[in-house]
Protein backbone atom coordinates (compact mmCIF):
# COMPACT_ATOMS: atom_id res chain seq x y z
CA MET A 1 46.09 89.28 35.97
CA PHE A 2 45.29 86.52 38.69
CA SER A 3 45.50 83.25 37.52
CA PHE A 4 44.63 80.14 39.39
CA GLU A 5 45.96 77.51 36.79
CA ASN A 6 49.11 77.34 38.91
CA ALA A 7 47.43 77.70 42.23
CA SER A 8 45.80 74.27 42.26
CA PRO A 9 46.81 72.06 45.28
CA THR A 10 48.46 68.87 44.49
CA ALA A 11 46.26 66.07 44.55
CA GLY A 12 46.08 63.61 47.34
CA LYS A 13 45.75 63.74 51.16
CA MET A 14 47.07 66.73 52.69
CA GLU A 15 49.47 65.84 55.61
CA ALA A 16 51.79 69.04 56.00
CA ARG A 17 50.71 71.52 58.23
CA LYS A 18 51.81 75.36 58.63
CA GLU A 19 50.82 77.83 61.28
CA ILE A 20 50.98 81.51 60.49
CA ARG A 21 50.73 84.51 62.77
CA MET A 22 49.74 87.70 61.62
CA HIS A 23 47.89 90.99 62.59
CA ARG A 24 44.18 91.10 63.01
CA ALA A 25 43.76 93.58 60.37
CA ASP A 26 45.52 91.17 57.83
CA GLU A 27 43.48 88.38 59.19
CA ALA A 28 40.26 90.70 58.40
CA ARG A 29 41.48 91.41 54.81
CA ILE A 30 41.99 87.66 53.97
CA ARG A 31 38.68 86.58 55.60
CA ALA A 32 37.08 89.26 53.64
CA ALA A 33 38.88 88.28 50.18
CA ALA A 34 38.32 84.64 51.05
CA ALA A 35 34.85 85.23 51.31
CA ALA A 36 34.47 87.20 48.18
CA SER A 37 36.16 84.29 46.19
CA GLY A 38 33.86 81.73 47.48
CA LEU A 39 36.98 80.07 49.14
CA GLN A 40 37.63 78.85 52.94
CA GLU A 41 40.29 80.96 54.57
CA ALA A 42 42.61 77.93 54.36
CA ASP A 43 42.13 77.13 50.67
CA PHE A 44 42.42 81.21 49.72
CA ILE A 45 45.67 81.31 51.85
CA ARG A 46 47.09 78.04 50.12
CA GLN A 47 46.12 79.25 46.56
CA ALA A 48 47.79 82.70 47.18
CA ALA A 49 50.90 80.66 48.61
CA LEU A 50 50.99 78.74 45.67
CA MET A 51 50.81 81.49 43.35
CA ARG A 52 53.47 83.57 44.66
CA ALA A 53 55.62 79.95 44.83
CA ALA A 54 54.92 79.69 40.85
CA GLU A 55 55.81 83.36 40.42
CA VAL A 56 59.11 82.88 42.05
CA GLU A 57 59.70 79.56 40.18
CA ARG A 58 59.11 81.34 36.77
CA ARG A 59 61.64 84.08 37.98
CA MET A 60 64.34 81.76 38.92
CA SER A 61 63.97 79.96 35.37
CA LEU A 62 64.47 82.98 33.70
CA SER A 63 67.88 84.54 32.82
CA VAL A 64 67.55 88.49 31.90
CA LEU A 65 70.43 90.04 30.09
CA PRO A 66 70.92 93.46 28.81
CA GLU A 67 71.11 93.39 24.89
CA GLU A 68 74.81 94.06 24.78
CA ALA A 69 75.55 91.37 27.22
CA PHE A 70 73.20 88.84 25.45
CA ALA A 71 75.15 89.28 22.44
CA ALA A 72 78.28 88.84 23.86
CA PHE A 73 76.91 85.51 25.65
CA LYS A 74 75.70 84.29 22.20
CA ALA A 75 78.70 85.05 20.47
CA ALA A 76 80.84 83.25 22.88
CA VAL A 77 78.27 80.35 22.81
CA GLU A 78 78.52 80.08 19.12
CA ALA A 79 82.29 80.26 18.93
CA PRO A 80 84.10 77.35 18.16
CA GLY A 81 85.59 75.62 20.76
CA LYS A 82 89.02 75.73 22.18
CA ALA A 83 91.42 72.74 23.57
CA VAL A 84 92.30 73.73 27.00
CA PRO A 85 95.51 71.93 28.19
CA GLY A 86 95.12 69.54 30.99
CA LEU A 87 91.17 69.63 30.98
CA ALA A 88 91.11 66.44 29.71
CA VAL A 89 93.49 64.84 32.19
CA ALA A 90 91.57 66.48 34.96
CA ALA A 91 88.20 65.19 33.63
CA LYS A 92 89.79 61.41 33.37
CA ALA A 93 91.05 61.90 36.93
CA SER A 94 87.72 63.15 38.06
CA GLU A 95 85.89 60.11 36.66
CA GLY A 96 83.61 58.26 39.18
CA LEU A 97 83.66 61.09 41.88
CA LEU A 98 80.31 62.46 40.96
CA LYS A 99 77.21 60.62 40.04
CA ASP A 100 74.65 61.90 37.68
CA ALA A 101 71.43 62.78 39.47
CA GLY A 102 69.06 61.58 36.34
């Protein structure tokens, strides 16, 4: 269940600092869990935050649709394209307004 593969800190010098406030009971739980894991409290907290960040990133990269909605989406994507009057003109007019981030 717990994987530290995505919780490894970024290599190099750690320059950013974060300060957190918590209840004493939470602090005691974190201290005990860090000790049980053989980690310093700061490392334990950093790894926990990185694991949560990885979980959020995974969730953000997924699109979950009910079967019927996915079937409709798939059909729309696989359908032949349609010419939209004026779209080519609008695309030409907007040329150069946006730059590719790549």
